[in-house]
């Protein structure tokens, strides 16, 4: 059985075994939605993407 919709995400495999590379859902700005694997995290919903221009990085903010 062939599925044309799944074949566009095919990365490798043949016959009955397919390996798919399905892209992660993104916002209109190109950021990726992710959830923290820690169920006790205060903020579980994360948006990952490029750093905003003009953002000042402070090393003191890193957990260490």
N, C-alpha and C. Protein backbone atom coordinates (compact mmCIF):
# COMPACT_ATOMS: atom_id res chain seq x y z
N UNK A 1 0.85 -1.18 0.00
CA UNK A 1 0.00 0.00 0.00
C UNK A 1 0.89 1.24 0.00
N UNK A 2 0.61 2.18 -0.88
CA UNK A 2 1.38 3.41 -0.98
C UNK A 2 0.55 4.59 -0.51
N UNK A 3 1.21 5.50 0.13
CA UNK A 3 0.55 6.71 0.58
C UNK A 3 1.34 7.91 0.05
N UNK A 4 0.78 8.62 -0.90
CA UNK A 4 1.47 9.75 -1.50
C UNK A 4 1.71 10.86 -0.49
N UNK A 5 0.80 11.02 0.45
CA UNK A 5 0.96 12.08 1.44
C UNK A 5 2.12 11.79 2.38
N UNK A 6 2.33 10.52 2.74
CA UNK A 6 3.45 10.19 3.62
C UNK A 6 4.78 10.13 2.87
N UNK A 7 4.73 9.81 1.60
CA UNK A 7 5.96 9.69 0.83
C UNK A 7 6.71 11.01 0.70
N UNK A 8 6.03 12.13 0.82
CA UNK A 8 6.74 13.40 0.72
C UNK A 8 7.61 13.66 1.95
N UNK A 9 7.36 12.96 3.07
CA UNK A 9 8.17 13.10 4.27
C UNK A 9 9.20 11.98 4.41
N UNK A 10 9.28 11.12 3.43
CA UNK A 10 10.17 9.95 3.49
C UNK A 10 11.63 10.39 3.48
N UNK A 11 12.43 9.86 4.43
CA UNK A 11 13.86 10.14 4.46
C UNK A 11 14.66 8.93 4.01
N UNK A 12 14.18 7.72 4.32
CA UNK A 12 14.84 6.49 3.87
C UNK A 12 13.89 5.32 4.08
N UNK A 13 14.35 4.13 3.74
CA UNK A 13 13.54 2.93 3.90
C UNK A 13 12.98 2.47 2.58
N UNK A 14 12.51 1.24 2.58
CA UNK A 14 11.92 0.68 1.37
C UNK A 14 10.89 -0.37 1.77
N UNK A 15 10.02 -0.69 0.84
CA UNK A 15 9.00 -1.70 1.11
C UNK A 15 8.04 -1.26 2.18
N UNK A 16 7.89 -2.09 3.22
CA UNK A 16 6.94 -1.79 4.29
C UNK A 16 7.55 -0.90 5.37
N UNK A 17 8.88 -0.75 5.39
CA UNK A 17 9.53 0.04 6.42
C UNK A 17 9.92 1.41 5.88
N UNK A 18 9.31 2.45 6.42
CA UNK A 18 9.60 3.82 6.02
C UNK A 18 10.16 4.58 7.21
N UNK A 19 11.11 5.47 6.95
CA UNK A 19 11.56 6.41 7.96
C UNK A 19 11.10 7.78 7.49
N UNK A 20 10.36 8.46 8.37
CA UNK A 20 9.78 9.74 8.00
C UNK A 20 10.47 10.88 8.73
N UNK A 21 10.57 12.00 8.09
CA UNK A 21 11.09 13.22 8.69
C UNK A 21 10.02 14.29 8.62
N UNK A 22 9.15 14.31 9.61
CA UNK A 22 8.03 15.24 9.62
C UNK A 22 8.46 16.51 10.35
N UNK A 23 8.34 17.68 9.71
CA UNK A 23 8.78 18.92 10.34
C UNK A 23 7.92 19.27 11.55
N UNK A 24 8.53 19.95 12.52
CA UNK A 24 7.81 20.38 13.71
C UNK A 24 6.88 21.54 13.38
N UNK A 25 5.76 21.66 14.09
CA UNK A 25 4.85 22.78 13.83
C UNK A 25 5.51 24.10 14.20
N UNK A 26 5.32 25.13 13.39
CA UNK A 26 5.94 26.42 13.63
C UNK A 26 4.90 27.53 13.62
N UNK A 27 5.29 28.67 14.19
CA UNK A 27 4.45 29.86 14.15
C UNK A 27 4.70 30.57 12.82
N UNK A 28 4.01 31.65 12.59
CA UNK A 28 4.22 32.43 11.37
C UNK A 28 5.61 33.06 11.34
N UNK A 29 6.21 33.28 12.52
CA UNK A 29 7.55 33.86 12.60
C UNK A 29 8.65 32.81 12.45
N UNK A 30 8.29 31.54 12.34
CA UNK A 30 9.27 30.48 12.18
C UNK A 30 9.75 29.87 13.47
N UNK A 31 9.11 30.19 14.58
CA UNK A 31 9.50 29.60 15.87
C UNK A 31 8.81 28.25 16.04
N UNK A 32 9.44 27.37 16.81
CA UNK A 32 8.96 26.00 16.98
C UNK A 32 8.31 25.85 18.36
N UNK A 33 7.13 25.24 18.40
CA UNK A 33 6.45 24.94 19.65
C UNK A 33 7.05 23.68 20.28
N UNK A 34 7.39 23.72 21.56
CA UNK A 34 7.86 22.55 22.28
C UNK A 34 7.30 22.59 23.70
N UNK A 35 7.19 21.42 24.32
CA UNK A 35 6.79 21.32 25.71
C UNK A 35 7.96 20.80 26.52
N UNK A 36 8.12 21.31 27.73
CA UNK A 36 9.17 20.85 28.62
C UNK A 36 8.87 19.42 29.04
N UNK A 37 9.87 18.54 29.07
CA UNK A 37 9.63 17.16 29.50
C UNK A 37 9.41 17.05 31.01
N UNK A 38 9.72 18.11 31.75
CA UNK A 38 9.54 18.11 33.19
C UNK A 38 8.10 18.48 33.53
N UNK A 39 7.31 17.55 34.09
CA UNK A 39 5.90 17.85 34.38
C UNK A 39 5.73 18.89 35.49
N UNK A 40 6.77 19.13 36.30
CA UNK A 40 6.68 20.10 37.39
C UNK A 40 7.23 21.47 37.00
N UNK A 41 7.61 21.65 35.74
CA UNK A 41 8.16 22.93 35.30
C UNK A 41 7.08 24.00 35.35
N UNK A 42 7.47 25.20 35.75
CA UNK A 42 6.51 26.30 35.86
C UNK A 42 5.99 26.70 34.47
N UNK A 43 6.88 26.80 33.51
CA UNK A 43 6.49 27.10 32.13
C UNK A 43 6.77 25.88 31.27
N UNK A 44 5.74 25.14 30.91
CA UNK A 44 5.94 23.93 30.11
C UNK A 44 5.90 24.21 28.62
N UNK A 45 5.23 25.26 28.20
CA UNK A 45 5.09 25.57 26.78
C UNK A 45 6.22 26.51 26.38
N UNK A 46 7.05 26.08 25.45
CA UNK A 46 8.20 26.86 25.03
C UNK A 46 8.11 27.19 23.55
N UNK A 47 8.64 28.34 23.18
CA UNK A 47 8.79 28.71 21.78
C UNK A 47 10.28 28.83 21.50
N UNK A 48 10.78 28.02 20.60
CA UNK A 48 12.21 28.02 20.28
C UNK A 48 12.41 28.65 18.92
N UNK A 49 13.45 29.44 18.80
CA UNK A 49 13.74 30.07 17.52
C UNK A 49 14.99 30.92 17.61
N UNK A 50 15.16 31.79 16.66
CA UNK A 50 16.32 32.68 16.62
C UNK A 50 16.22 33.74 17.72
N UNK A 51 17.38 34.14 18.24
CA UNK A 51 17.42 35.19 19.25
C UNK A 51 17.01 36.51 18.61
N UNK A 52 16.22 37.30 19.31
CA UNK A 52 15.77 38.59 18.80
C UNK A 52 16.95 39.56 18.71
N UNK A 53 16.96 40.36 17.66
CA UNK A 53 18.02 41.36 17.51
C UNK A 53 17.93 42.38 18.64
N UNK A 54 19.08 42.79 19.13
CA UNK A 54 19.12 43.76 20.22
C UNK A 54 19.00 43.14 21.59
N UNK A 55 18.91 41.80 21.67
CA UNK A 55 18.82 41.12 22.97
C UNK A 55 20.18 41.16 23.63
N UNK A 56 20.24 41.65 24.87
CA UNK A 56 21.50 41.71 25.61
C UNK A 56 21.63 40.46 26.47
N UNK A 57 22.65 39.66 26.19
CA UNK A 57 22.89 38.43 26.93
C UNK A 57 23.70 38.74 28.18
N UNK A 58 23.24 38.26 29.34
CA UNK A 58 23.97 38.44 30.60
C UNK A 58 24.35 37.05 31.11
N UNK A 59 25.64 36.75 31.22
CA UNK A 59 26.08 35.44 31.72
C UNK A 59 25.56 35.13 33.12
N UNK A 60 25.22 36.15 33.91
CA UNK A 60 24.73 35.92 35.26
C UNK A 60 23.36 35.23 35.26
N UNK A 61 22.68 35.23 34.12
CA UNK A 61 21.36 34.58 34.03
C UNK A 61 21.46 33.07 33.88
N UNK A 62 22.63 32.56 33.51
CA UNK A 62 22.79 31.13 33.34
C UNK A 62 22.75 30.40 34.67
N UNK A 63 22.07 29.27 34.69
CA UNK A 63 22.07 28.45 35.91
C UNK A 63 23.43 27.77 36.00
N UNK A 64 24.03 27.82 37.14
CA UNK A 64 25.37 27.28 37.17
C UNK A 64 25.68 26.56 38.37
